[in-house]
Every structure is written in structure tokens, then in C-alpha cells.
Amino acid sequence: MQTILGANGQIAIELARELACHHPDELRLVSRNPCRVNPADTLQPANLLDARQTLEAVKGSHTVYFTAGLPPDTRLWESQFPTMLKNALDASRAAGARFAYFDNTYMYPQDDRVQTEATSFAPVGRKGRVRAAMATMVLEEMARGEMPVLIGRAPEFYGPGTTQSVTNALVIAPLKQGGKPRVPLRDDRRRTLIWAPDASRALAALGNTTDAYGQTWHLPCCDDRPTYREFVTMAGEALGRDAAYTVLRPWMLNAASLFSSQVREIKELLPRYGCDNLFDSSKFKRRFPAFEVTTYRQGLRLIAQE
């Protein structure tokens, strides 16, 4: 049995589809209120803050995927995320299962250096420190060698459905609604974005590959790395919309943060939008040469077809 912890998010939903389609096995979806993705899915309600419930949810699994998310609330992240991850690791170890941890890049330096699996952690802000502590917890578990563990790390998403990201919220959603896109800080810096379903497909491939364990993997992205200016142009063409946009300058965001808790919560992430974001996924591509990465134009066309 393969089990997904935190099964209601976009990454988990796409992961469930991929596992059912290409890695047929009994599949258990775990969250507080899990919803079936595939007809044969087993649903297991559980609160990952409760160690006993987590243990029961993982029992009988041979592979566990941790894809749990939380709203962008710093205090919530600090008080809940580490406990959820610890319970998941403890339960997976007790079940004799393999553990695949889905991660982001919040702990990386917010500058223009190329990010590889060997990049040192240099978190900026409280959310970054939470993600650095969580990744360190998984790396320590990996080093102990008591169960097979891997990390699949992704940069910012863009994607279909309810994909939650800065790019979806500021660029894609306004275009779909006939509004004007907004670009944070600068439009001339290169971005590395991952098509959300690609991240899930890649995590499924890693989770079902024995020699992938004991390592960190950057999930596969296009090597094009368009600027936001180029990305908005592509998105406008795909959606048949005017691609005129507004650049949100630092003073505008600082002013907005006085009135918007949502803006305050993302302020610590903003420095990364002032420089090139160069996320390298060549390690994954060498190991899985047949994996087809969705191009930006392909992804945007798929969004337009929704």
C-alpha cells in the first residue's frame, strides 16, 4: 500500500492520479477530511498533529508520501508543521515504510546563485527557518539509516485547478478573469517555475525507485527560465488576453502590508523576486531521461483549456 499524508492539496491530488495510473497498488489518502481522487482510493481521516492517529493512518504502508500543507500563517507553521512531520516520520519508521518528503525552496539563499541539491541552507524569515528545520529533520532521519528516506524539492509552482502560488495568484488568475496581471518587484529577472503535475509525477517516480532513496532530488523543470515579462506574454497569448501588467514595487507592497495580512505573510519571500531564480534539476533528468517535462507554453495551453 502507498499512502499520501496531506491528501487534499493540488500536489497530492496529482500524485494520487499518477500513482493510480502508472504505479498500480492500493492507495490510501490521509487528511482531516480526505476526498477520493480515484475510484479505488481508501480514505483515512486523521489529524497529523495526533501521533496515534498518524500511526494508524500509516499502518500497513510500504511507501509514505508527506505532502501536507498549511495556510500561509507563520505562527501556524511554527506551531504545527514540525510536529506533523515528526509524527509522520515516527509512524513510517514504526510501519517499516519508505518515506518520500515533498519540499520547497524556502530555506535556500534568496539570491541569483544556481540552486542544486548541494546548496547550503540560508533561510530568510520565519517561514524559511521552519522549512530549513523540517528539511534538516528529514536529512537526519536519512542519515540514521533506519528506513529509506528521500526528499523531492520543487521551486515555485504554476498549474491548473486550485494550484496555489504567487504566479497563479498574480498572473494566471487575473488573466483568466479578464483582469490585469501583477508582477512582484521586477519583470526582467529569470524565473524557474515547475508545472505542478510534473512535480507530482516526478515524486511518484522517485517514490517507486529503490535507488532514489537516501538522496535529495530537485524535481524537473524547464531549462528556459523566462522572465516574468516573457511569461506574462506567453500567458496572455495562451489565454487570449491583453498581456499588459503592473510591476508591484517594494513601496507598493510595503504599503499593502499595512492593511493585508496576506501580503505581510509573503513579505519574507519577496527578495527572491528581485533576482534571477536559477533552480537546477539536471540530476533528476540524468536519472530519468525518459521523463517529459511540460514546457511553459504547453502548461499555459492546458490552463487555457480548463
Protein backbone atom coordinates (compact mmCIF):
# COMPACT_ATOMS: atom_id res chain seq x y z
CA MET A 1 0.00 0.00 0.00
CA GLN A 2 1.13 3.54 -0.78
CA THR A 3 -0.11 6.33 1.50
CA ILE A 4 -0.31 10.08 0.94
CA LEU A 5 -0.28 12.23 4.07
CA GLY A 6 -1.91 15.60 3.47
CA ALA A 7 -4.01 14.36 0.61
CA ASN A 8 -6.22 17.33 -0.30
CA GLY A 9 -3.68 19.72 -1.84
CA GLN A 10 -3.03 20.11 -5.56
CA ILE A 11 0.29 18.24 -5.41
CA ALA A 12 -1.29 15.35 -3.50
CA ILE A 13 -4.25 15.16 -5.89
CA GLU A 14 -1.98 14.95 -8.94
CA LEU A 15 0.24 12.46 -7.07
CA ALA A 16 -2.78 10.23 -6.38
CA ARG A 17 -3.72 10.29 -10.06
CA GLU A 18 -0.20 9.41 -11.13
CA LEU A 19 0.18 6.57 -8.63
CA ALA A 20 -3.15 5.05 -9.63
CA CYS A 21 -2.32 5.31 -13.33
CA HIS A 22 1.32 4.24 -13.51
CA HIS A 23 2.16 2.59 -10.17
CA PRO A 24 -0.92 0.47 -9.50
CA ASP A 25 -1.16 -0.51 -5.86
CA GLU A 26 -3.61 0.01 -3.05
CA LEU A 27 -3.66 3.76 -2.36
CA ARG A 28 -4.65 5.39 0.93
CA LEU A 29 -5.39 9.11 1.15
CA VAL A 30 -4.96 10.70 4.57
CA SER A 31 -6.08 14.12 5.80
CA ARG A 32 -8.58 15.53 8.26
CA ASN A 33 -11.28 15.28 5.60
CA PRO A 34 -9.89 13.22 2.69
CA CYS A 35 -11.65 13.17 -0.67
CA ARG A 36 -11.45 10.33 -3.17
CA VAL A 37 -9.37 11.08 -6.29
CA ASN A 38 -9.57 7.65 -7.93
CA PRO A 39 -12.48 5.19 -7.62
CA ALA A 40 -10.45 2.61 -5.70
CA ASP A 41 -8.82 5.00 -3.19
CA THR A 42 -9.04 4.17 0.51
CA LEU A 43 -9.83 7.21 2.66
CA GLN A 44 -8.41 7.59 6.17
CA PRO A 45 -9.38 10.67 8.22
CA ALA A 46 -6.55 11.64 10.56
CA ASN A 47 -5.05 14.67 12.25
CA LEU A 48 -1.28 14.59 11.68
CA LEU A 49 -0.82 16.56 14.90
CA ASP A 50 -2.00 13.43 16.72
CA ALA A 51 0.76 10.80 16.89
CA ARG A 52 -1.65 7.92 17.45
CA GLN A 53 -3.89 8.87 14.55
CA THR A 54 -0.86 9.25 12.30
CA LEU A 55 0.43 5.83 13.34
CA GLU A 56 -2.92 4.24 12.47
CA ALA A 57 -3.05 6.09 9.15
CA VAL A 58 0.36 4.78 8.07
CA LYS A 59 -0.03 1.20 9.33
CA GLY A 60 0.36 -1.38 6.54
CA SER A 61 2.03 1.03 4.11
CA HIS A 62 5.24 0.27 2.22
CA THR A 63 5.66 3.84 0.93
CA VAL A 64 4.54 7.09 2.57
CA TYR A 65 4.45 10.50 0.87
CA PHE A 66 4.41 13.62 3.03
CA THR A 67 2.71 16.38 1.03
CA ALA A 68 0.92 18.16 3.87
CA GLY A 69 0.43 21.91 3.61
CA LEU A 70 -0.76 24.71 5.84
CA PRO A 71 -2.20 28.17 5.16
CA PRO A 72 0.46 30.91 4.87
CA ASP A 73 0.34 31.75 8.58
CA THR A 74 3.77 31.96 10.21
CA ARG A 75 2.60 31.10 13.73
CA LEU A 76 0.70 28.11 12.41
CA TRP A 77 3.80 26.90 10.55
CA GLU A 78 5.96 27.22 13.65
CA SER A 79 3.50 25.53 15.99
CA GLN A 80 2.24 22.71 13.73
CA PHE A 81 4.50 21.81 10.81
CA PRO A 82 7.42 20.29 12.80
CA THR A 83 5.02 18.19 14.92
CA MET A 84 3.19 16.91 11.83
CA LEU A 85 6.46 15.91 10.19
CA LYS A 86 7.85 14.24 13.32
CA ASN A 87 4.67 12.20 13.74
CA ALA A 88 4.82 11.16 10.09
CA LEU A 89 8.46 10.09 10.35
CA ASP A 90 7.88 8.17 13.58
CA ALA A 91 4.82 6.41 12.15
CA SER A 92 6.58 5.49 8.90
CA ARG A 93 9.56 4.09 10.79
CA ALA A 94 7.25 2.03 13.01
CA ALA A 95 5.44 0.70 9.92
CA GLY A 96 8.69 -0.28 8.20
CA ALA A 97 7.76 2.01 5.29
CA ARG A 98 9.78 4.13 2.91
CA PHE A 99 9.35 7.92 3.30
CA ALA A 100 9.19 10.46 0.46
CA TYR A 101 9.18 14.08 1.63
CA PHE A 102 7.86 16.80 -0.68
CA ASP A 103 9.78 20.02 -0.03
CA ASN A 104 10.10 23.58 -1.30
CA THR A 105 13.00 26.05 -1.60
CA TYR A 106 12.18 28.46 1.23
CA MET A 107 15.40 27.53 3.03
CA TYR A 108 17.67 28.43 0.11
CA PRO A 109 19.51 31.77 -0.23
CA GLN A 110 17.35 34.40 -1.89
CA ASP A 111 19.89 35.43 -4.49
CA ASP A 112 20.87 34.57 -8.06
CA ARG A 113 23.26 31.68 -7.41
CA VAL A 114 22.39 28.37 -9.12
CA GLN A 115 20.45 26.15 -6.71
CA THR A 116 21.48 22.50 -6.69
CA GLU A 117 20.84 19.66 -4.26
CA ALA A 118 24.12 20.67 -2.54
CA THR A 119 23.09 24.30 -1.94
CA SER A 120 23.51 25.24 1.71
CA PHE A 121 20.51 26.42 3.69
CA ALA A 122 20.39 30.16 4.40
CA PRO A 123 16.75 30.86 5.28
CA VAL A 124 15.36 34.38 5.27
CA GLY A 125 12.46 34.93 7.66
CA ARG A 126 10.48 32.71 9.98
CA LYS A 127 8.83 30.53 7.34
CA GLY A 128 12.22 29.85 5.78
CA ARG A 129 13.60 28.82 9.16
CA VAL A 130 10.67 26.42 9.68
CA ARG A 131 11.27 24.76 6.31
CA ALA A 132 15.02 24.57 6.98
CA ALA A 133 14.38 22.86 10.34
CA MET A 134 11.96 20.41 8.72
CA ALA A 135 14.36 19.54 5.90
CA THR A 136 17.13 19.06 8.47
CA MET A 137 14.86 16.70 10.43
CA VAL A 138 14.36 14.59 7.29
CA LEU A 139 18.08 14.65 6.46
CA GLU A 140 18.90 13.46 9.99
CA GLU A 141 16.42 10.62 9.59
CA MET A 142 18.02 9.77 6.26
CA ALA A 143 21.47 9.73 7.87
CA ARG A 144 20.33 7.37 10.63
CA GLY A 145 19.51 4.79 8.01
CA GLU A 146 16.68 3.13 9.95
CA MET A 147 14.30 3.49 6.99
CA PRO A 148 14.62 4.55 3.35
CA VAL A 149 14.06 8.32 3.01
CA LEU A 150 14.18 10.75 0.09
CA ILE A 151 13.49 14.45 -0.45
CA GLY A 152 11.84 15.77 -3.62
CA ARG A 153 12.25 19.54 -3.73
CA ALA A 154 10.38 21.90 -6.05
CA PRO A 155 10.63 25.63 -6.81
CA GLU A 156 7.52 27.79 -7.17
CA PHE A 157 4.56 26.12 -8.90
CA TYR A 158 2.28 27.22 -11.63
CA GLY A 159 -0.51 24.95 -12.73
CA PRO A 160 -4.14 24.02 -13.24
CA GLY A 161 -7.11 23.95 -10.93
CA THR A 162 -6.55 25.34 -7.46
CA THR A 163 -2.75 25.47 -7.66
CA GLN A 164 -1.62 27.97 -5.02
CA SER A 165 1.40 30.08 -5.90
CA VAL A 166 2.41 33.70 -6.36
CA THR A 167 2.43 33.24 -10.14
CA ASN A 168 -1.02 31.66 -10.22
CA ALA A 169 -2.44 34.33 -7.91
CA LEU A 170 -0.85 37.40 -9.51
CA VAL A 171 -0.58 36.43 -13.18
CA ILE A 172 -2.74 33.50 -14.24
CA ALA A 173 -5.87 34.12 -12.16
CA PRO A 174 -6.23 37.80 -13.19
CA LEU A 175 -5.73 36.91 -16.86
CA LYS A 176 -8.37 34.18 -16.67
CA GLN A 177 -10.77 36.66 -15.11
CA GLY A 178 -10.06 39.38 -17.66
CA GLY A 179 -8.04 41.46 -15.20
CA LYS A 180 -4.54 42.89 -15.23
CA PRO A 181 -1.63 40.71 -14.10
CA ARG A 182 0.75 41.92 -11.42
CA VAL A 183 4.45 41.08 -11.19
CA PRO A 184 6.35 41.30 -7.89
CA LEU A 185 9.37 43.65 -7.77
CA ARG A 186 10.89 43.18 -11.27
CA ASP A 187 9.86 41.83 -14.64
CA ASP A 188 13.36 41.34 -16.07
CA ARG A 189 14.67 38.60 -13.79
CA ARG A 190 14.62 34.95 -14.83
CA ARG A 191 12.25 32.60 -13.01
CA THR A 192 12.29 28.83 -12.61
CA LEU A 193 8.72 27.56 -12.28
CA ILE A 194 7.57 23.95 -12.16
CA TRP A 195 4.33 22.69 -13.70
CA ALA A 196 2.54 21.31 -10.63
CA PRO A 197 1.52 17.98 -12.22
CA ASP A 198 5.17 17.45 -13.25
CA ALA A 199 6.22 17.79 -9.61
CA SER A 200 3.70 15.11 -8.62
CA ARG A 201 4.67 12.77 -11.47
CA ALA A 202 8.32 13.13 -10.54
CA LEU A 203 7.65 12.46 -6.85
CA ALA A 204 5.76 9.29 -7.80
CA ALA A 205 8.69 8.16 -9.95
CA LEU A 206 11.15 8.76 -7.11
CA GLY A 207 8.96 7.04 -4.53
CA ASN A 208 8.86 3.91 -6.68
CA THR A 209 12.58 3.83 -7.50
CA THR A 210 14.65 1.95 -4.92
CA ASP A 211 17.97 3.67 -5.64
CA ALA A 212 16.39 7.14 -5.33
CA TYR A 213 16.24 6.80 -1.55
CA GLY A 214 18.96 8.24 0.65
CA GLN A 215 19.16 11.35 -1.54
CA THR A 216 17.72 14.81 -2.17
CA TRP A 217 16.30 15.44 -5.66
CA HIS A 218 15.37 18.64 -7.41
CA LEU A 219 12.15 17.94 -9.27
CA PRO A 220 12.28 18.55 -13.04
CA CYS A 221 11.69 21.99 -14.56
CA CYS A 222 12.17 23.54 -17.97
CA ASP A 223 15.61 24.98 -18.60
CA ASP A 224 14.18 28.04 -20.40
CA ARG A 225 13.75 30.19 -17.25
CA PRO A 226 11.70 33.02 -18.74
CA THR A 227 11.49 36.46 -17.18
CA TYR A 228 8.10 37.50 -15.86
CA ARG A 229 7.84 39.80 -18.87
CA GLU A 230 8.19 36.78 -21.15
CA PHE A 231 5.95 34.57 -19.03
CA VAL A 232 3.10 37.11 -18.93
CA THR A 233 3.35 37.47 -22.71
CA MET A 234 3.09 33.69 -23.15
CA ALA A 235 0.20 33.50 -20.70
CA GLY A 236 -1.67 36.30 -22.46
CA GLU A 237 -1.24 34.57 -25.81
CA ALA A 238 -2.45 31.21 -24.42
CA LEU A 239 -5.47 32.72 -22.70
CA GLY A 240 -6.31 35.20 -25.44
CA ARG A 241 -5.95 38.18 -23.12
CA ASP A 242 -4.19 41.52 -23.12
CA ALA A 243 -0.77 40.93 -21.57
CA ALA A 244 -0.35 44.45 -20.13
CA TYR A 245 0.73 44.16 -16.49
CA THR A 246 1.71 46.15 -13.42
CA VAL A 247 5.03 45.73 -11.60
CA LEU A 248 4.47 45.79 -7.83
CA ARG A 249 7.31 47.94 -6.50
CA PRO A 250 8.65 47.50 -2.95
CA TRP A 251 6.92 50.65 -1.68
CA MET A 252 3.60 49.37 -3.02
CA LEU A 253 3.98 46.05 -1.24
CA ASN A 254 5.10 47.74 1.98
CA ALA A 255 2.00 49.94 1.87
CA ALA A 256 -0.26 46.97 1.13
CA SER A 257 1.21 45.02 4.04
CA LEU A 258 -0.17 47.63 6.46
CA PHE A 259 -3.68 46.53 5.56
CA SER A 260 -3.32 42.97 4.26
CA SER A 261 -2.26 40.03 6.41
CA GLN A 262 -1.79 38.01 3.22
CA VAL A 263 0.83 40.47 1.93
CA ARG A 264 2.53 40.53 5.34
CA GLU A 265 2.79 36.74 5.26
CA ILE A 266 4.63 36.69 1.90
CA LYS A 267 6.94 39.66 2.51
CA GLU A 268 9.83 37.47 3.62
CA LEU A 269 9.71 35.70 0.23
CA LEU A 270 9.86 38.87 -1.84
CA PRO A 271 13.68 39.28 -2.10
CA ARG A 272 13.79 36.21 -4.39
CA TYR A 273 11.70 38.13 -6.95
CA GLY A 274 14.35 40.83 -7.21
CA CYS A 275 16.97 38.46 -8.62
CA ASP A 276 17.24 35.56 -11.03
CA ASN A 277 15.89 32.28 -9.67
CA LEU A 278 18.08 29.50 -11.10
CA PHE A 279 16.87 26.10 -9.90
CA ASP A 280 18.87 23.21 -11.39
CA SER A 281 17.14 19.84 -11.89
CA SER A 282 19.77 18.16 -14.08
CA LYS A 283 20.35 15.36 -11.55
CA PHE A 284 16.76 14.13 -11.92
CA LYS A 285 16.90 14.45 -15.71
CA ARG A 286 20.06 12.34 -15.88
CA ARG A 287 18.49 9.60 -13.74
CA PHE A 288 15.11 9.70 -15.52
CA PRO A 289 15.95 10.65 -19.12
CA ALA A 290 12.55 9.49 -20.43
CA PHE A 291 10.65 11.92 -18.16
CA GLU A 292 8.91 14.53 -20.33
CA VAL A 293 8.96 17.98 -18.77
CA THR A 294 5.97 20.18 -19.61
CA THR A 295 7.08 23.37 -21.37
CA TYR A 296 5.70 26.71 -20.27
CA ARG A 297 3.68 27.09 -23.45
CA GLN A 298 2.25 23.57 -23.05
CA GLY A 299 1.29 24.22 -19.45
CA LEU A 300 -0.36 27.54 -20.23
CA ARG A 301 -2.31 25.98 -23.09
CA LEU A 302 -3.58 23.31 -20.69
CA ILE A 303 -4.68 26.03 -18.25
CA ALA A 304 -6.49 27.81 -21.09
CA GLN A 305 -8.36 24.59 -21.92
CA GLU A 306 -9.78 24.20 -18.38
